[in-house]
Amino acid sequence: TNGRSAALLDRLGFVAEGRRRGYYFVGGERVDRVEYGL
């Protein structure tokens, strides 16, 4: 859900490599974690 972080990591050249579904519990709901690598 963090679009600012997505834009930052993209600007720096990080590559989205995967997604961990329901990884966090934030604000009363399950949220995926997007994994990046450089």
All heavy atoms as atom14 arrays in JSON, in Angstrom:
{
  "sequence": "TNGRSAALLDRLGFVAEGRRRGYYFVGGERVDRVEYGL",
  "atom14_mask": [
    [1, 1, 1, 1, 1, 1, 1, 0, 0, 0, 0, 0, 0, 0],
    [1, 1, 1, 1, 1, 1, 1, 1, 0, 0, 0, 0, 0, 0],
    [1, 1, 1, 1, 0, 0, 0, 0, 0, 0, 0, 0, 0, 0],
    [1, 1, 1, 1, 1, 1, 1, 1, 1, 1, 1, 0, 0, 0],
    [1, 1, 1, 1, 1, 1, 0, 0, 0, 0, 0, 0, 0, 0],
    [1, 1, 1, 1, 1, 0, 0, 0, 0, 0, 0, 0, 0, 0],
    [1, 1, 1, 1, 1, 0, 0, 0, 0, 0, 0, 0, 0, 0],
    [1, 1, 1, 1, 1, 1, 1, 1, 0, 0, 0, 0, 0, 0],
    [1, 1, 1, 1, 1, 1, 1, 1, 0, 0, 0, 0, 0, 0],
    [1, 1, 1, 1, 1, 1, 1, 1, 0, 0, 0, 0, 0, 0],
    [1, 1, 1, 1, 1, 1, 1, 1, 1, 1, 1, 0, 0, 0],
    [1, 1, 1, 1, 1, 1, 1, 1, 0, 0, 0, 0, 0, 0],
    [1, 1, 1, 1, 0, 0, 0, 0, 0, 0, 0, 0, 0, 0],
    [1, 1, 1, 1, 1, 1, 1, 1, 1, 1, 1, 0, 0, 0],
    [1, 1, 1, 1, 1, 1, 1, 0, 0, 0, 0, 0, 0, 0],
    [1, 1, 1, 1, 1, 0, 0, 0, 0, 0, 0, 0, 0, 0],
    [1, 1, 1, 1, 1, 1, 1, 1, 1, 0, 0, 0, 0, 0],
    [1, 1, 1, 1, 0, 0, 0, 0, 0, 0, 0, 0, 0, 0],
    [1, 1, 1, 1, 1, 1, 1, 1, 1, 1, 1, 0, 0, 0],
    [1, 1, 1, 1, 1, 1, 1, 1, 1, 1, 1, 0, 0, 0],
    [1, 1, 1, 1, 1, 1, 1, 1, 1, 1, 1, 0, 0, 0],
    [1, 1, 1, 1, 0, 0, 0, 0, 0, 0, 0, 0, 0, 0],
    [1, 1, 1, 1, 1, 1, 1, 1, 1, 1, 1, 1, 0, 0],
    [1, 1, 1, 1, 1, 1, 1, 1, 1, 1, 1, 1, 0, 0],
    [1, 1, 1, 1, 1, 1, 1, 1, 1, 1, 1, 0, 0, 0],
    [1, 1, 1, 1, 1, 1, 1, 0, 0, 0, 0, 0, 0, 0],
    [1, 1, 1, 1, 0, 0, 0, 0, 0, 0, 0, 0, 0, 0],
    [1, 1, 1, 1, 0, 0, 0, 0, 0, 0, 0, 0, 0, 0],
    [1, 1, 1, 1, 1, 1, 1, 1, 1, 0, 0, 0, 0, 0],
    [1, 1, 1, 1, 1, 1, 1, 1, 1, 1, 1, 0, 0, 0],
    [1, 1, 1, 1, 1, 1, 1, 0, 0, 0, 0, 0, 0, 0],
    [1, 1, 1, 1, 1, 1, 1, 1, 0, 0, 0, 0, 0, 0],
    [1, 1, 1, 1, 1, 1, 1, 1, 1, 1, 1, 0, 0, 0],
    [1, 1, 1, 1, 1, 1, 1, 0, 0, 0, 0, 0, 0, 0],
    [1, 1, 1, 1, 1, 1, 1, 1, 1, 0, 0, 0, 0, 0],
    [1, 1, 1, 1, 1, 1, 1, 1, 1, 1, 1, 1, 0, 0],
    [1, 1, 1, 1, 0, 0, 0, 0, 0, 0, 0, 0, 0, 0],
    [1, 1, 1, 1, 1, 1, 1, 1, 0, 0, 0, 0, 0, 0]
  ],
  "atom14_positions": [
    [[0.81, -1.22, 0.0], [0.0, 0.0, 0.0], [0.84, 1.27, 0.0], [0.3, 2.37, -0.04], [-0.92, 0.02, 1.24], [-0.1, -0.16, 2.42], [-1.95, -1.09, 1.17], [0.0, 0.0, 0.0], [0.0, 0.0, 0.0], [0.0, 0.0, 0.0], [0.0, 0.0, 0.0], [0.0, 0.0, 0.0], [0.0, 0.0, 0.0], [0.0, 0.0, 0.0]],
    [[2.16, 1.16, 0.06], [3.04, 2.32, 0.16], [3.58, 2.71, -1.22], [4.67, 2.29, -1.63], [4.19, 2.03, 1.14], [5.0, 3.26, 1.46], [5.0, 4.24, 0.71], [5.71, 3.22, 2.57], [0.0, 0.0, 0.0], [0.0, 0.0, 0.0], [0.0, 0.0, 0.0], [0.0, 0.0, 0.0], [0.0, 0.0, 0.0], [0.0, 0.0, 0.0]],
    [[2.83, 3.54, -1.91], [3.21, 3.99, -3.25], [4.46, 4.85, -3.26], [5.23, 4.82, -4.23], [0.0, 0.0, 0.0], [0.0, 0.0, 0.0], [0.0, 0.0, 0.0], [0.0, 0.0, 0.0], [0.0, 0.0, 0.0], [0.0, 0.0, 0.0], [0.0, 0.0, 0.0], [0.0, 0.0, 0.0], [0.0, 0.0, 0.0], [0.0, 0.0, 0.0]],
    [[4.68, 5.65, -2.21], [5.89, 6.49, -2.16], [7.15, 5.63, -2.16], [8.12, 5.94, -2.84], [5.87, 7.38, -0.92], [4.94, 8.56, -1.02], [5.11, 9.43, 0.24], [4.21, 10.53, 0.24], [4.46, 11.7, -0.33], [5.58, 11.89, -0.97], [3.58, 12.68, -0.26], [0.0, 0.0, 0.0], [0.0, 0.0, 0.0], [0.0, 0.0, 0.0]],
    [[7.11, 4.55, -1.37], [8.27, 3.65, -1.33], [8.47, 2.97, -2.67], [9.61, 2.77, -3.1], [8.12, 2.6, -0.22], [8.3, 3.19, 1.04], [0.0, 0.0, 0.0], [0.0, 0.0, 0.0], [0.0, 0.0, 0.0], [0.0, 0.0, 0.0], [0.0, 0.0, 0.0], [0.0, 0.0, 0.0], [0.0, 0.0, 0.0], [0.0, 0.0, 0.0]],
    [[7.39, 2.58, -3.33], [7.5, 1.95, -4.65], [8.2, 2.9, -5.62], [9.13, 2.5, -6.34], [6.12, 1.58, -5.18], [0.0, 0.0, 0.0], [0.0, 0.0, 0.0], [0.0, 0.0, 0.0], [0.0, 0.0, 0.0], [0.0, 0.0, 0.0], [0.0, 0.0, 0.0], [0.0, 0.0, 0.0], [0.0, 0.0, 0.0], [0.0, 0.0, 0.0]],
    [[7.79, 4.15, -5.64], [8.39, 5.13, -6.55], [9.86, 5.36, -6.21], [10.71, 5.46, -7.12], [7.61, 6.44, -6.5], [0.0, 0.0, 0.0], [0.0, 0.0, 0.0], [0.0, 0.0, 0.0], [0.0, 0.0, 0.0], [0.0, 0.0, 0.0], [0.0, 0.0, 0.0], [0.0, 0.0, 0.0], [0.0, 0.0, 0.0], [0.0, 0.0, 0.0]],
    [[10.19, 5.44, -4.94], [11.57, 5.64, -4.5], [12.45, 4.48, -4.95], [13.52, 4.68, -5.54], [11.64, 5.81, -2.99], [13.02, 5.8, -2.34], [13.87, 6.94, -2.85], [12.88, 5.85, -0.82], [0.0, 0.0, 0.0], [0.0, 0.0, 0.0], [0.0, 0.0, 0.0], [0.0, 0.0, 0.0], [0.0, 0.0, 0.0], [0.0, 0.0, 0.0]],
    [[12.02, 3.26, -4.68], [12.82, 2.09, -5.04], [12.97, 1.97, -6.55], [14.05, 1.62, -7.05], [12.22, 0.83, -4.42], [12.3, 0.78, -2.89], [11.46, -0.35, -2.33], [13.74, 0.7, -2.41], [0.0, 0.0, 0.0], [0.0, 0.0, 0.0], [0.0, 0.0, 0.0], [0.0, 0.0, 0.0], [0.0, 0.0, 0.0], [0.0, 0.0, 0.0]],
    [[11.92, 2.28, -7.29], [12.01, 2.28, -8.76], [13.03, 3.31, -9.25], [13.85, 3.02, -10.13], [10.65, 2.58, -9.4], [9.66, 1.43, -9.27], [10.07, 0.29, -8.97], [8.46, 1.68, -9.46], [0.0, 0.0, 0.0], [0.0, 0.0, 0.0], [0.0, 0.0, 0.0], [0.0, 0.0, 0.0], [0.0, 0.0, 0.0], [0.0, 0.0, 0.0]],
    [[13.0, 4.53, -8.67], [13.94, 5.58, -9.07], [15.4, 5.15, -8.86], [16.28, 5.51, -9.62], [13.7, 6.86, -8.26], [12.78, 7.84, -8.9], [12.8, 9.19, -8.22], [12.57, 9.18, -6.78], [11.37, 9.11, -6.2], [10.27, 9.04, -6.93], [11.25, 9.13, -4.9], [0.0, 0.0, 0.0], [0.0, 0.0, 0.0], [0.0, 0.0, 0.0]],
    [[15.62, 4.39, -7.79], [16.98, 3.97, -7.46], [17.43, 2.74, -8.23], [18.58, 2.33, -8.11], [17.09, 3.72, -5.95], [16.93, 4.97, -5.09], [16.95, 4.6, -3.62], [18.01, 6.0, -5.39], [0.0, 0.0, 0.0], [0.0, 0.0, 0.0], [0.0, 0.0, 0.0], [0.0, 0.0, 0.0], [0.0, 0.0, 0.0], [0.0, 0.0, 0.0]],
    [[16.54, 2.14, -9.01], [16.91, 0.99, -9.83], [16.65, -0.36, -9.2], [17.04, -1.38, -9.76], [0.0, 0.0, 0.0], [0.0, 0.0, 0.0], [0.0, 0.0, 0.0], [0.0, 0.0, 0.0], [0.0, 0.0, 0.0], [0.0, 0.0, 0.0], [0.0, 0.0, 0.0], [0.0, 0.0, 0.0], [0.0, 0.0, 0.0], [0.0, 0.0, 0.0]],
    [[16.01, -0.39, -8.03], [15.65, -1.66, -7.43], [14.61, -2.35, -8.31], [13.79, -1.69, -8.95], [15.07, -1.46, -6.03], [16.1, -1.25, -4.95], [16.7, -0.01, -4.78], [16.46, -2.28, -4.1], [17.64, 0.19, -3.79], [17.4, -2.1, -3.1], [18.0, -0.85, -2.95], [0.0, 0.0, 0.0], [0.0, 0.0, 0.0], [0.0, 0.0, 0.0]],
    [[14.65, -3.67, -8.32], [13.74, -4.47, -9.13], [12.79, -5.22, -8.2], [13.24, -5.88, -7.25], [14.53, -5.48, -10.0], [13.59, -6.41, -10.76], [15.47, -4.75, -10.95], [0.0, 0.0, 0.0], [0.0, 0.0, 0.0], [0.0, 0.0, 0.0], [0.0, 0.0, 0.0], [0.0, 0.0, 0.0], [0.0, 0.0, 0.0], [0.0, 0.0, 0.0]],
    [[11.48, -5.1, -8.46], [10.5, -5.87, -7.7], [10.69, -7.34, -8.05], [10.64, -7.72, -9.21], [9.08, -5.4, -8.02], [0.0, 0.0, 0.0], [0.0, 0.0, 0.0], [0.0, 0.0, 0.0], [0.0, 0.0, 0.0], [0.0, 0.0, 0.0], [0.0, 0.0, 0.0], [0.0, 0.0, 0.0], [0.0, 0.0, 0.0], [0.0, 0.0, 0.0]],
    [[10.93, -8.16, -7.02], [11.25, -9.57, -7.25], [10.19, -10.53, -6.74], [10.24, -11.71, -7.05], [12.6, -9.91, -6.6], [13.74, -9.13, -7.19], [15.07, -9.43, -6.53], [15.1, -9.78, -5.33], [16.1, -9.32, -7.22], [0.0, 0.0, 0.0], [0.0, 0.0, 0.0], [0.0, 0.0, 0.0], [0.0, 0.0, 0.0], [0.0, 0.0, 0.0]],
    [[9.3, -10.04, -5.93], [8.29, -10.95, -5.41], [7.33, -10.27, -4.45], [7.48, -9.08, -4.13], [0.0, 0.0, 0.0], [0.0, 0.0, 0.0], [0.0, 0.0, 0.0], [0.0, 0.0, 0.0], [0.0, 0.0, 0.0], [0.0, 0.0, 0.0], [0.0, 0.0, 0.0], [0.0, 0.0, 0.0], [0.0, 0.0, 0.0], [0.0, 0.0, 0.0]],
    [[6.38, -11.03, -4.01], [5.33, -10.51, -3.14], [5.0, -11.56, -2.09], [4.8, -12.72, -2.42], [4.1, -10.21, -3.98], [2.99, -9.51, -3.27], [1.85, -9.25, -4.28], [1.03, -8.16, -3.84], [1.1, -6.92, -4.24], [1.98, -6.57, -5.15], [0.3, -6.0, -3.77], [0.0, 0.0, 0.0], [0.0, 0.0, 0.0], [0.0, 0.0, 0.0]],
    [[4.99, -11.15, -0.84], [4.58, -12.03, 0.26], [3.17, -11.62, 0.67], [2.97, -10.57, 1.27], [5.55, -11.9, 1.43], [6.92, -12.42, 1.08], [7.82, -12.35, 2.27], [9.15, -12.83, 1.9], [10.04, -13.21, 2.78], [9.78, -13.17, 4.06], [11.21, -13.63, 2.39], [0.0, 0.0, 0.0], [0.0, 0.0, 0.0], [0.0, 0.0, 0.0]],
    [[2.25, -12.46, 0.31], [0.83, -12.14, 0.53], [0.48, -12.16, 2.01], [0.9, -13.03, 2.76], [-0.05, -13.16, -0.21], [0.17, -13.08, -1.73], [-0.55, -14.17, -2.47], [-0.05, -15.48, -2.05], [-0.83, -16.52, -1.78], [-2.13, -16.46, -1.91], [-0.3, -17.66, -1.4], [0.0, 0.0, 0.0], [0.0, 0.0, 0.0], [0.0, 0.0, 0.0]],
    [[-0.3, -11.15, 2.43], [-0.78, -11.06, 3.8], [0.32, -11.05, 4.84], [0.14, -11.5, 5.96], [0.0, 0.0, 0.0], [0.0, 0.0, 0.0], [0.0, 0.0, 0.0], [0.0, 0.0, 0.0], [0.0, 0.0, 0.0], [0.0, 0.0, 0.0], [0.0, 0.0, 0.0], [0.0, 0.0, 0.0], [0.0, 0.0, 0.0], [0.0, 0.0, 0.0]],
    [[1.46, -10.5, 4.51], [2.67, -10.57, 5.35], [2.57, -9.71, 6.61], [3.09, -10.07, 7.65], [3.87, -10.14, 4.5], [5.21, -10.47, 5.1], [5.69, -11.78, 5.08], [6.01, -9.49, 5.66], [6.93, -12.09, 5.6], [7.24, -9.79, 6.19], [7.7, -11.1, 6.16], [8.93, -11.4, 6.68], [0.0, 0.0, 0.0], [0.0, 0.0, 0.0]],
    [[1.95, -8.55, 6.5], [1.83, -7.63, 7.64], [0.37, -7.46, 8.03], [-0.53, -7.67, 7.23], [2.38, -6.24, 7.27], [3.84, -6.2, 6.91], [4.26, -5.81, 5.65], [4.81, -6.53, 7.84], [5.61, -5.74, 5.32], [6.16, -6.47, 7.53], [6.55, -6.08, 6.27], [7.87, -6.02, 5.96], [0.0, 0.0, 0.0], [0.0, 0.0, 0.0]],
    [[0.19, -7.02, 9.28], [-1.13, -6.61, 9.75], [-1.01, -5.15, 10.13], [-0.36, -4.79, 11.11], [-1.56, -7.46, 10.95], [-2.99, -7.23, 11.34], [-4.02, -7.74, 10.57], [-3.3, -6.49, 12.46], [-5.35, -7.54, 10.92], [-4.62, -6.28, 12.82], [-5.64, -6.81, 12.05], [0.0, 0.0, 0.0], [0.0, 0.0, 0.0], [0.0, 0.0, 0.0]],
    [[-1.55, -4.27, 9.29], [-1.4, -2.82, 9.47], [-2.76, -2.16, 9.33], [-3.5, -2.44, 8.39], [-0.44, -2.25, 8.4], [-0.3, -0.74, 8.53], [0.92, -2.91, 8.48], [0.0, 0.0, 0.0], [0.0, 0.0, 0.0], [0.0, 0.0, 0.0], [0.0, 0.0, 0.0], [0.0, 0.0, 0.0], [0.0, 0.0, 0.0], [0.0, 0.0, 0.0]],
    [[-3.08, -1.28, 10.27], [-4.33, -0.53, 10.19], [-5.55, -1.44, 10.17], [-6.55, -1.11, 9.54], [0.0, 0.0, 0.0], [0.0, 0.0, 0.0], [0.0, 0.0, 0.0], [0.0, 0.0, 0.0], [0.0, 0.0, 0.0], [0.0, 0.0, 0.0], [0.0, 0.0, 0.0], [0.0, 0.0, 0.0], [0.0, 0.0, 0.0], [0.0, 0.0, 0.0]],
    [[-5.47, -2.57, 10.84], [-6.61, -3.47, 10.96], [-6.81, -4.4, 9.78], [-7.84, -5.07, 9.68], [0.0, 0.0, 0.0], [0.0, 0.0, 0.0], [0.0, 0.0, 0.0], [0.0, 0.0, 0.0], [0.0, 0.0, 0.0], [0.0, 0.0, 0.0], [0.0, 0.0, 0.0], [0.0, 0.0, 0.0], [0.0, 0.0, 0.0], [0.0, 0.0, 0.0]],
    [[-5.81, -4.47, 8.86], [-5.97, -5.37, 7.72], [-4.64, -6.01, 7.33], [-3.58, -5.48, 7.62], [-6.56, -4.64, 6.51], [-5.67, -3.54, 5.96], [-6.32, -2.79, 4.81], [-7.53, -2.87, 4.63], [-5.58, -2.11, 4.1], [0.0, 0.0, 0.0], [0.0, 0.0, 0.0], [0.0, 0.0, 0.0], [0.0, 0.0, 0.0], [0.0, 0.0, 0.0]],
    [[-4.73, -7.12, 6.66], [-3.56, -7.82, 6.13], [-3.06, -7.07, 4.89], [-3.85, -6.68, 4.03], [-3.91, -9.25, 5.73], [-4.09, -10.13, 6.91], [-2.75, -10.76, 7.26], [-2.81, -11.27, 8.62], [-1.78, -11.25, 9.44], [-0.62, -10.77, 9.06], [-1.89, -11.73, 10.65], [0.0, 0.0, 0.0], [0.0, 0.0, 0.0], [0.0, 0.0, 0.0]],
    [[-1.74, -6.86, 4.83], [-1.13, -6.13, 3.73], [0.05, -6.96, 3.22], [0.85, -7.47, 4.0], [-0.65, -4.73, 4.18], [0.05, -4.0, 3.04], [-1.8, -3.91, 4.73], [0.0, 0.0, 0.0], [0.0, 0.0, 0.0], [0.0, 0.0, 0.0], [0.0, 0.0, 0.0], [0.0, 0.0, 0.0], [0.0, 0.0, 0.0], [0.0, 0.0, 0.0]],
    [[0.16, -7.04, 1.91], [1.28, -7.76, 1.29], [2.58, -6.98, 1.46], [2.58, -5.76, 1.59], [1.05, -7.94, -0.22], [-0.15, -8.83, -0.54], [-0.74, -9.42, 0.38], [-0.48, -8.92, -1.74], [0.0, 0.0, 0.0], [0.0, 0.0, 0.0], [0.0, 0.0, 0.0], [0.0, 0.0, 0.0], [0.0, 0.0, 0.0], [0.0, 0.0, 0.0]],
    [[3.68, -7.72, 1.42], [5.02, -7.13, 1.38], [5.57, -7.36, -0.02], [5.55, -8.48, -0.52], [5.94, -7.79, 2.41], [7.4, -7.31, 2.32], [8.27, -8.07, 3.34], [9.68, -7.9, 3.07], [10.47, -7.03, 3.69], [9.99, -6.23, 4.61], [11.75, -6.96, 3.39], [0.0, 0.0, 0.0], [0.0, 0.0, 0.0], [0.0, 0.0, 0.0]],
    [[6.07, -6.29, -0.65], [6.7, -6.41, -1.96], [8.2, -6.4, -1.73], [8.74, -5.51, -1.07], [6.27, -5.27, -2.91], [6.91, -5.44, -4.27], [4.75, -5.21, -3.03], [0.0, 0.0, 0.0], [0.0, 0.0, 0.0], [0.0, 0.0, 0.0], [0.0, 0.0, 0.0], [0.0, 0.0, 0.0], [0.0, 0.0, 0.0], [0.0, 0.0, 0.0]],
    [[8.87, -7.42, -2.28], [10.32, -7.59, -2.12], [11.06, -7.01, -3.32], [10.65, -7.21, -4.46], [10.65, -9.08, -2.02], [9.97, -9.8, -0.87], [10.59, -9.54, 0.47], [11.7, -8.95, 0.53], [9.98, -9.92, 1.48], [0.0, 0.0, 0.0], [0.0, 0.0, 0.0], [0.0, 0.0, 0.0], [0.0, 0.0, 0.0], [0.0, 0.0, 0.0]],
    [[12.14, -6.32, -3.04], [12.97, -5.7, -4.08], [14.42, -6.13, -3.92], [14.86, -6.44, -2.81], [12.93, -4.17, -3.97], [11.64, -3.54, -4.41], [10.54, -3.52, -3.57], [11.53, -2.95, -5.66], [9.35, -2.92, -3.97], [10.34, -2.36, -6.07], [9.27, -2.35, -5.22], [8.09, -1.77, -5.63], [0.0, 0.0, 0.0], [0.0, 0.0, 0.0]],
    [[15.16, -6.08, -5.02], [16.59, -6.36, -4.97], [17.34, -5.46, -5.93], [16.79, -4.97, -6.93], [0.0, 0.0, 0.0], [0.0, 0.0, 0.0], [0.0, 0.0, 0.0], [0.0, 0.0, 0.0], [0.0, 0.0, 0.0], [0.0, 0.0, 0.0], [0.0, 0.0, 0.0], [0.0, 0.0, 0.0], [0.0, 0.0, 0.0], [0.0, 0.0, 0.0]],
    [[18.59, -5.21, -5.6], [19.48, -4.43, -6.46], [20.86, -5.05, -6.36], [21.4, -5.22, -5.26], [19.52, -2.97, -6.0], [20.46, -2.03, -6.76], [20.01, -1.86, -8.21], [20.52, -0.67, -6.07], [0.0, 0.0, 0.0], [0.0, 0.0, 0.0], [0.0, 0.0, 0.0], [0.0, 0.0, 0.0], [0.0, 0.0, 0.0], [0.0, 0.0, 0.0]]
  ]
}
